[in-house]
């Protein structure tokens, strides 16, 4: 894990404060979707299957900030859709940074060369570029040739300008331990991105491609092999050690979807950004009206093959904070 010290200390203080207050449900990170529109049509994503009228809408900055303030999460992931298509995305980021929120702007990087001058480097801000593999695999995943090369050059340019750059790599059942090793070696050693996140693909109900999502057994076997030989410790992975153990099947956790709430043009999504069981009009309503115990593997059939970070990374973080041994382990993994 390679979370910056400033961020690690802030999160630790935040979690300690929640424990002191005796809060059972609280946000660790807010998934903010200020639009659903995208400039790509990835086969494994169902976001752009929304009605045309909704795809044209953009969330006002004031509405997004109100959701952030209501929620109170210390970290914000701005997703979509493609956030760089939002005409005031730079204003939103600047306001969040001014509030000292840790902001991750998720992007396919196609528009980054045109938009990067609108942003300023900050220890509170990072571009999170989606890269699903090396050139052939990535371009196949996003269903468009040439995207990998654009993304790579955008990452290099952002790094030259002093921005923090992280990546998000979705793993499908067409991947092998070797393809995972190859992309992580490239991101870690060649592009030298600051942090890398791994996301076992979740079977979005509206995704055009329903054939290439991983099952739990496949996921564990793939990561056990990819992480072997000391590679896991060498890569700058943006995950807690316990979550990486979870991916390998060394430990198991319940889902804590409440820790990463999702807010979009439709409201507060119940129970997470992967499932859509209706929307709440306020964060308070989301917490109080959702039966959180009914979700997760073994509880809801739709969750059977889910090992996504939005449900299980928070559980791993909370387990880490409640154990001195695991806390020391997590600190050592950052050095």
Protein backbone atom coordinates (compact mmCIF):
# COMPACT_ATOMS: atom_id res chain seq x y z
CA UNK A 1 0.00 0.00 0.00
CA UNK A 2 1.40 3.42 -0.89
CA UNK A 3 -1.09 5.93 0.54
CA UNK A 4 0.67 9.25 1.25
CA UNK A 5 1.45 9.90 4.92
CA UNK A 6 -0.77 12.99 5.04
CA UNK A 7 -3.74 10.97 3.81
CA UNK A 8 -3.00 8.00 6.06
CA UNK A 9 -2.90 10.17 9.17
CA UNK A 10 -6.09 12.00 8.22
CA UNK A 11 -7.98 8.75 7.66
CA UNK A 12 -6.66 7.28 10.90
CA UNK A 13 -7.84 10.34 12.85
CA UNK A 14 -11.19 10.24 11.08
CA UNK A 15 -11.77 6.59 11.90
CA UNK A 16 -10.73 7.12 15.50
CA UNK A 17 -13.24 9.94 15.74
CA UNK A 18 -16.04 7.75 14.43
CA UNK A 19 -15.18 5.08 17.00
CA UNK A 20 -15.15 7.60 19.85
CA UNK A 21 -18.59 8.85 18.75
CA UNK A 22 -19.88 5.30 18.66
CA UNK A 23 -21.09 5.58 15.08
CA UNK A 24 -21.95 2.24 13.47
CA UNK A 25 -22.43 3.51 9.91
CA UNK A 26 -20.26 6.26 8.45
CA UNK A 27 -18.68 7.08 5.07
CA UNK A 28 -15.04 6.45 4.30
CA UNK A 29 -15.19 7.54 0.66
CA UNK A 30 -17.97 9.09 -1.41
CA UNK A 31 -18.51 7.87 -4.97
CA UNK A 32 -19.71 11.05 -6.68
CA UNK A 33 -21.16 10.76 -10.18
CA UNK A 34 -21.92 14.25 -11.53
CA UNK A 35 -22.91 12.81 -14.94
CA UNK A 36 -23.53 9.49 -16.69
CA UNK A 37 -22.36 10.49 -20.18
CA UNK A 38 -19.11 9.08 -21.50
CA UNK A 39 -17.00 9.39 -24.64
CA UNK A 40 -16.37 5.62 -24.74
CA UNK A 41 -18.70 2.62 -24.92
CA UNK A 42 -16.93 -0.03 -22.84
CA UNK A 43 -18.54 -3.46 -23.08
CA UNK A 44 -18.21 -4.15 -19.36
CA UNK A 45 -19.92 -0.94 -18.19
CA UNK A 46 -23.63 -0.25 -18.05
CA UNK A 47 -23.53 3.44 -17.17
CA UNK A 48 -24.23 4.78 -20.65
CA UNK A 49 -27.32 2.59 -20.95
CA UNK A 50 -29.20 5.36 -19.13
CA UNK A 51 -31.96 7.22 -21.08
CA UNK A 52 -30.75 9.91 -23.48
CA UNK A 53 -32.42 12.62 -21.42
CA UNK A 54 -30.39 11.60 -18.37
CA UNK A 55 -27.15 11.33 -20.33
CA UNK A 56 -27.51 15.00 -21.26
CA UNK A 57 -27.74 16.18 -17.66
CA UNK A 58 -24.83 17.56 -15.61
CA UNK A 59 -24.96 17.93 -11.84
CA UNK A 60 -24.59 21.54 -10.67
CA UNK A 61 -21.45 22.13 -8.64
CA UNK A 62 -23.50 23.45 -5.73
CA UNK A 63 -25.52 20.23 -5.62
CA UNK A 64 -22.39 18.09 -5.63
CA UNK A 65 -20.81 20.13 -2.84
CA UNK A 66 -23.99 19.90 -0.76
CA UNK A 67 -23.87 16.09 -1.03
CA UNK A 68 -20.21 16.08 0.02
CA UNK A 69 -20.92 18.27 3.03
CA UNK A 70 -23.98 16.22 4.01
CA UNK A 71 -22.04 12.98 3.78
CA UNK A 72 -18.83 14.16 5.45
CA UNK A 73 -16.52 11.57 3.88
CA UNK A 74 -12.82 12.55 3.91
CA UNK A 75 -12.20 11.09 0.43
CA UNK A 76 -14.12 11.73 -2.79
CA UNK A 77 -13.96 9.65 -5.96
CA UNK A 78 -15.43 11.58 -8.89
CA UNK A 79 -16.63 9.08 -11.45
CA UNK A 80 -19.34 8.78 -14.08
CA UNK A 81 -19.52 8.59 -17.02
CA UNK A 82 -16.46 10.59 -17.94
CA UNK A 83 -16.03 13.45 -15.44
CA UNK A 84 -13.90 15.52 -17.80
CA UNK A 85 -17.01 15.97 -19.97
CA UNK A 86 -18.56 18.05 -17.16
CA UNK A 87 -18.15 21.75 -18.07
CA UNK A 88 -17.39 22.76 -14.46
CA UNK A 89 -15.37 19.78 -13.31
CA UNK A 90 -12.35 21.98 -12.58
CA UNK A 91 -14.46 24.22 -10.36
CA UNK A 92 -15.81 21.21 -8.46
CA UNK A 93 -12.32 19.81 -7.91
CA UNK A 94 -10.99 23.19 -6.76
CA UNK A 95 -13.80 23.56 -4.22
CA UNK A 96 -13.23 20.07 -2.83
CA UNK A 97 -9.48 20.63 -2.57
CA UNK A 98 -10.14 23.94 -0.81
CA UNK A 99 -12.12 21.92 1.74
CA UNK A 100 -9.10 19.61 2.06
CA UNK A 101 -10.95 16.56 0.80
CA UNK A 102 -8.79 13.91 -0.85
CA UNK A 103 -10.08 13.89 -4.43
CA UNK A 104 -9.62 11.19 -7.07
CA UNK A 105 -10.87 12.16 -10.52
CA UNK A 106 -11.53 8.93 -12.44
CA UNK A 107 -10.98 9.30 -16.17
CA UNK A 108 -10.26 7.35 -19.33
CA UNK A 109 -7.81 10.22 -20.11
CA UNK A 110 -9.08 10.83 -23.65
CA UNK A 111 -9.89 14.45 -22.79
CA UNK A 112 -7.06 15.02 -20.35
CA UNK A 113 -4.67 16.69 -22.87
CA UNK A 114 -7.34 19.35 -23.55
CA UNK A 115 -8.43 19.80 -19.93
CA UNK A 116 -5.28 19.46 -17.84
CA UNK A 117 -4.49 23.21 -17.84
CA UNK A 118 -7.71 23.76 -15.87
CA UNK A 119 -6.30 21.88 -12.85
CA UNK A 120 -3.49 22.53 -10.39
CA UNK A 121 -1.31 19.93 -8.66
CA UNK A 122 -2.18 19.39 -5.00
CA UNK A 123 -1.45 16.76 -2.35
CA UNK A 124 -5.24 16.52 -2.04
CA UNK A 125 -5.83 15.72 -5.72
CA UNK A 126 -5.04 12.88 -8.11
CA UNK A 127 -6.05 11.85 -11.59
CA UNK A 128 -7.12 8.19 -11.53
CA UNK A 129 -6.65 6.85 -15.04
CA UNK A 130 -8.44 3.69 -16.08
CA UNK A 131 -6.00 1.22 -17.66
CA UNK A 132 -7.24 -2.36 -18.06
CA UNK A 133 -4.12 -3.91 -19.52
CA UNK A 134 -1.39 -3.31 -22.04
CA UNK A 135 -2.24 -1.85 -25.46
CA UNK A 136 -4.16 -4.72 -27.06
CA UNK A 137 -6.07 -5.73 -23.93
CA UNK A 138 -6.93 -2.18 -22.88
CA UNK A 139 -8.16 -1.11 -26.31
CA UNK A 140 -10.29 -4.27 -26.51
CA UNK A 141 -11.78 -3.56 -23.07
CA UNK A 142 -12.79 0.00 -24.02
CA UNK A 143 -13.87 -1.08 -27.52
CA UNK A 144 -11.75 1.51 -29.31
CA UNK A 145 -8.25 1.37 -30.81
CA UNK A 146 -5.66 3.93 -29.78
CA UNK A 147 -7.05 4.68 -26.31
CA UNK A 148 -4.13 3.02 -24.51
CA UNK A 149 -1.55 5.21 -26.23
CA UNK A 150 -3.52 8.38 -25.46
CA UNK A 151 -3.90 7.38 -21.82
CA UNK A 152 -0.22 6.54 -21.41
CA UNK A 153 0.93 9.85 -22.88
CA UNK A 154 -1.61 11.70 -20.72
CA UNK A 155 -0.21 9.98 -17.62
CA UNK A 156 3.34 10.90 -18.58
CA UNK A 157 2.35 14.52 -19.18
CA UNK A 158 0.44 14.77 -15.89
CA UNK A 159 3.42 13.35 -14.00
CA UNK A 160 5.77 15.84 -15.70
CA UNK A 161 3.47 18.67 -14.56
CA UNK A 162 3.63 17.52 -10.95
CA UNK A 163 0.22 15.86 -10.60
CA UNK A 164 -0.35 12.75 -8.54
CA UNK A 165 -1.54 9.99 -10.87
CA UNK A 166 -3.11 6.73 -9.80
CA UNK A 167 -4.61 4.00 -11.96
CA UNK A 168 -7.57 1.65 -11.78
CA UNK A 169 -7.36 -1.71 -13.54
CA UNK A 170 -10.46 -3.89 -13.93
CA UNK A 171 -9.75 -7.62 -14.09
CA UNK A 172 -11.94 -9.90 -16.23
CA UNK A 173 -12.02 -13.67 -16.70
CA UNK A 174 -10.07 -13.19 -19.94
CA UNK A 175 -7.13 -12.09 -17.79
CA UNK A 176 -4.43 -14.45 -16.57
CA UNK A 177 -1.88 -14.05 -13.79
CA UNK A 178 0.63 -13.13 -16.49
CA UNK A 179 -1.48 -10.33 -17.98
CA UNK A 180 -2.01 -8.90 -14.49
CA UNK A 181 1.72 -9.08 -13.80
CA UNK A 182 2.53 -7.41 -17.11
CA UNK A 183 0.23 -4.42 -16.66
CA UNK A 184 1.20 -3.86 -13.02
CA UNK A 185 4.91 -4.11 -13.84
CA UNK A 186 4.40 -1.54 -16.61
CA UNK A 187 2.40 0.88 -14.46
CA UNK A 188 4.75 0.48 -11.49
CA UNK A 189 8.14 0.47 -13.23
CA UNK A 190 7.70 2.20 -16.59
CA UNK A 191 4.95 4.76 -16.04
CA UNK A 192 5.84 5.07 -12.34
CA UNK A 193 2.31 6.00 -11.30
CA UNK A 194 1.86 6.90 -7.65
CA UNK A 195 -0.65 4.17 -6.76
CA UNK A 196 -2.48 1.33 -8.50
CA UNK A 197 -5.92 -0.05 -7.72
CA UNK A 198 -7.28 -3.45 -8.79
CA UNK A 199 -10.97 -4.10 -9.37
CA UNK A 200 -12.35 -7.58 -10.04
CA UNK A 201 -15.06 -6.93 -12.63
CA UNK A 202 -18.60 -6.82 -11.31
CA UNK A 203 -21.47 -8.05 -13.49
CA UNK A 204 -23.31 -4.80 -14.14
CA UNK A 205 -26.87 -5.73 -15.05
CA UNK A 206 -26.91 -3.36 -18.06
CA UNK A 207 -23.39 -4.09 -19.31
CA UNK A 208 -23.40 -5.22 -22.97
CA UNK A 209 -20.85 -7.96 -22.22
CA UNK A 210 -22.15 -10.43 -19.62
CA UNK A 211 -19.73 -13.27 -20.38
CA UNK A 212 -16.42 -12.11 -18.95
CA UNK A 213 -17.03 -11.41 -15.27
CA UNK A 214 -15.01 -13.29 -12.65
CA UNK A 215 -16.37 -15.65 -10.03
CA UNK A 216 -14.99 -15.74 -6.48
CA UNK A 217 -12.97 -18.92 -6.98
CA UNK A 218 -11.49 -17.60 -10.22
CA UNK A 219 -10.63 -14.28 -8.61
CA UNK A 220 -8.81 -15.87 -5.69
CA UNK A 221 -6.84 -18.25 -7.87
CA UNK A 222 -5.83 -15.50 -10.28
CA UNK A 223 -4.59 -13.14 -7.56
CA UNK A 224 -2.80 -15.88 -5.61
CA UNK A 225 -0.73 -16.61 -8.68
CA UNK A 226 -0.25 -12.98 -9.74
CA UNK A 227 0.86 -11.94 -6.23
CA UNK A 228 3.29 -14.85 -5.73
CA UNK A 229 7.04 -14.50 -5.76
CA UNK A 230 7.13 -11.28 -3.76
CA UNK A 231 5.56 -9.19 -6.52
CA UNK A 232 2.68 -8.00 -4.35
CA UNK A 233 5.06 -6.29 -1.92
CA UNK A 234 6.99 -4.61 -4.74
CA UNK A 235 4.01 -3.00 -6.48
CA UNK A 236 2.64 0.33 -5.22
CA UNK A 237 -0.88 -0.99 -4.73
CA UNK A 238 -3.49 1.38 -3.30
CA UNK A 239 -5.07 -1.26 -1.06
CA UNK A 240 -4.74 -2.34 2.54
CA UNK A 241 -2.77 -5.57 3.10
CA UNK A 242 -5.92 -7.23 4.44
CA UNK A 243 -7.88 -6.43 1.27
CA UNK A 244 -5.11 -7.97 -0.81
CA UNK A 245 -5.31 -11.02 1.50
CA UNK A 246 -9.05 -11.02 0.75
CA UNK A 247 -8.43 -11.06 -3.00
CA UNK A 248 -6.16 -14.07 -2.55
CA UNK A 249 -8.71 -15.89 -0.38
CA UNK A 250 -6.54 -15.83 2.74
CA UNK A 251 -9.29 -14.06 4.71
CA UNK A 252 -12.98 -13.39 4.12
CA UNK A 253 -15.03 -10.34 5.06
CA UNK A 254 -18.66 -9.20 5.13
CA UNK A 255 -19.66 -6.35 2.85
CA UNK A 256 -19.74 -2.83 4.29
CA UNK A 257 -21.40 -1.04 1.38
CA UNK A 258 -22.45 1.79 3.68
CA UNK A 259 -18.83 2.94 3.97
CA UNK A 260 -18.61 3.96 0.29
CA UNK A 261 -21.97 5.57 -0.54
CA UNK A 262 -22.78 6.61 -4.10
CA UNK A 263 -24.41 9.91 -5.05
CA UNK A 264 -25.48 10.66 -8.62
CA UNK A 265 -28.01 12.65 -10.62
CA UNK A 266 -30.62 10.19 -9.35
CA UNK A 267 -29.80 10.68 -5.68
CA UNK A 268 -28.20 8.45 -3.05
CA UNK A 269 -28.02 5.00 -4.63
CA UNK A 270 -29.10 2.02 -2.55
CA UNK A 271 -27.05 0.05 -1.50
CA UNK A 272 -23.91 0.87 -3.54
CA UNK A 273 -22.82 2.07 -6.97
CA UNK A 274 -22.86 -1.50 -8.31
CA UNK A 275 -26.47 -2.29 -7.39
CA UNK A 276 -29.52 -0.11 -7.89
CA UNK A 277 -32.34 -0.85 -5.44
CA UNK A 278 -33.75 2.63 -5.55
CA UNK A 279 -32.53 6.01 -4.41
CA UNK A 280 -32.75 8.06 -1.22
CA UNK A 281 -33.20 11.82 -1.23
CA UNK A 282 -30.71 12.37 1.58
CA UNK A 283 -27.70 10.64 3.08
CA UNK A 284 -29.55 10.29 6.38
CA UNK A 285 -32.42 8.56 4.60
CA UNK A 286 -29.97 6.24 2.84
CA UNK A 287 -28.43 5.12 6.12
CA UNK A 288 -31.71 4.73 8.00
CA UNK A 289 -33.87 3.15 5.29
CA UNK A 290 -31.44 0.61 3.84
CA UNK A 291 -31.32 -2.94 5.21
CA UNK A 292 -27.53 -3.21 5.04
CA UNK A 293 -27.51 -6.71 6.53
CA UNK A 294 -29.37 -8.08 3.50
CA UNK A 295 -26.47 -7.39 1.10
CA UNK A 296 -23.20 -9.18 0.46
CA UNK A 297 -22.12 -12.65 -0.58
CA UNK A 298 -24.35 -15.29 0.97
CA UNK A 299 -27.15 -12.78 1.50
CA UNK A 300 -28.10 -11.48 -1.94
CA UNK A 301 -27.68 -13.60 -5.07
CA UNK A 302 -26.52 -10.55 -7.05
CA UNK A 303 -23.56 -10.26 -4.68
CA UNK A 304 -22.48 -13.89 -5.11
CA UNK A 305 -19.40 -13.15 -7.20
CA UNK A 306 -18.66 -9.64 -5.95
CA UNK A 307 -15.22 -8.95 -4.49
CA UNK A 308 -15.25 -5.24 -5.31
CA UNK A 309 -13.34 -2.74 -3.22
CA UNK A 310 -16.49 -0.64 -2.63
CA UNK A 311 -17.88 -3.34 -0.37
CA UNK A 312 -14.85 -5.09 1.03
CA UNK A 313 -11.96 -2.62 1.22
CA UNK A 314 -13.73 -0.65 3.98
CA UNK A 315 -14.17 -3.88 5.96
CA UNK A 316 -10.47 -4.56 5.60
CA UNK A 317 -9.60 -1.01 6.69
CA UNK A 318 -11.82 -1.26 9.77
CA UNK A 319 -10.33 -4.65 10.63
CA UNK A 320 -6.85 -3.16 10.28
CA UNK A 321 -7.67 -0.27 12.61
CA UNK A 322 -9.04 -2.62 15.28
CA UNK A 323 -5.87 -4.74 15.35
CA UNK A 324 -2.47 -3.49 16.55
CA UNK A 325 -0.71 -6.23 14.59
CA UNK A 326 -2.54 -5.39 11.37
CA UNK A 327 -2.03 -1.65 11.92
CA UNK A 328 1.73 -2.18 12.23
CA UNK A 329 1.64 -4.38 9.15
CA UNK A 330 -0.17 -1.67 7.17
CA UNK A 331 2.33 1.00 8.27
CA UNK A 332 5.24 -1.22 7.28
CA UNK A 333 3.72 -1.80 3.85
CA UNK A 334 3.93 1.94 3.10
CA UNK A 335 7.70 2.07 3.65
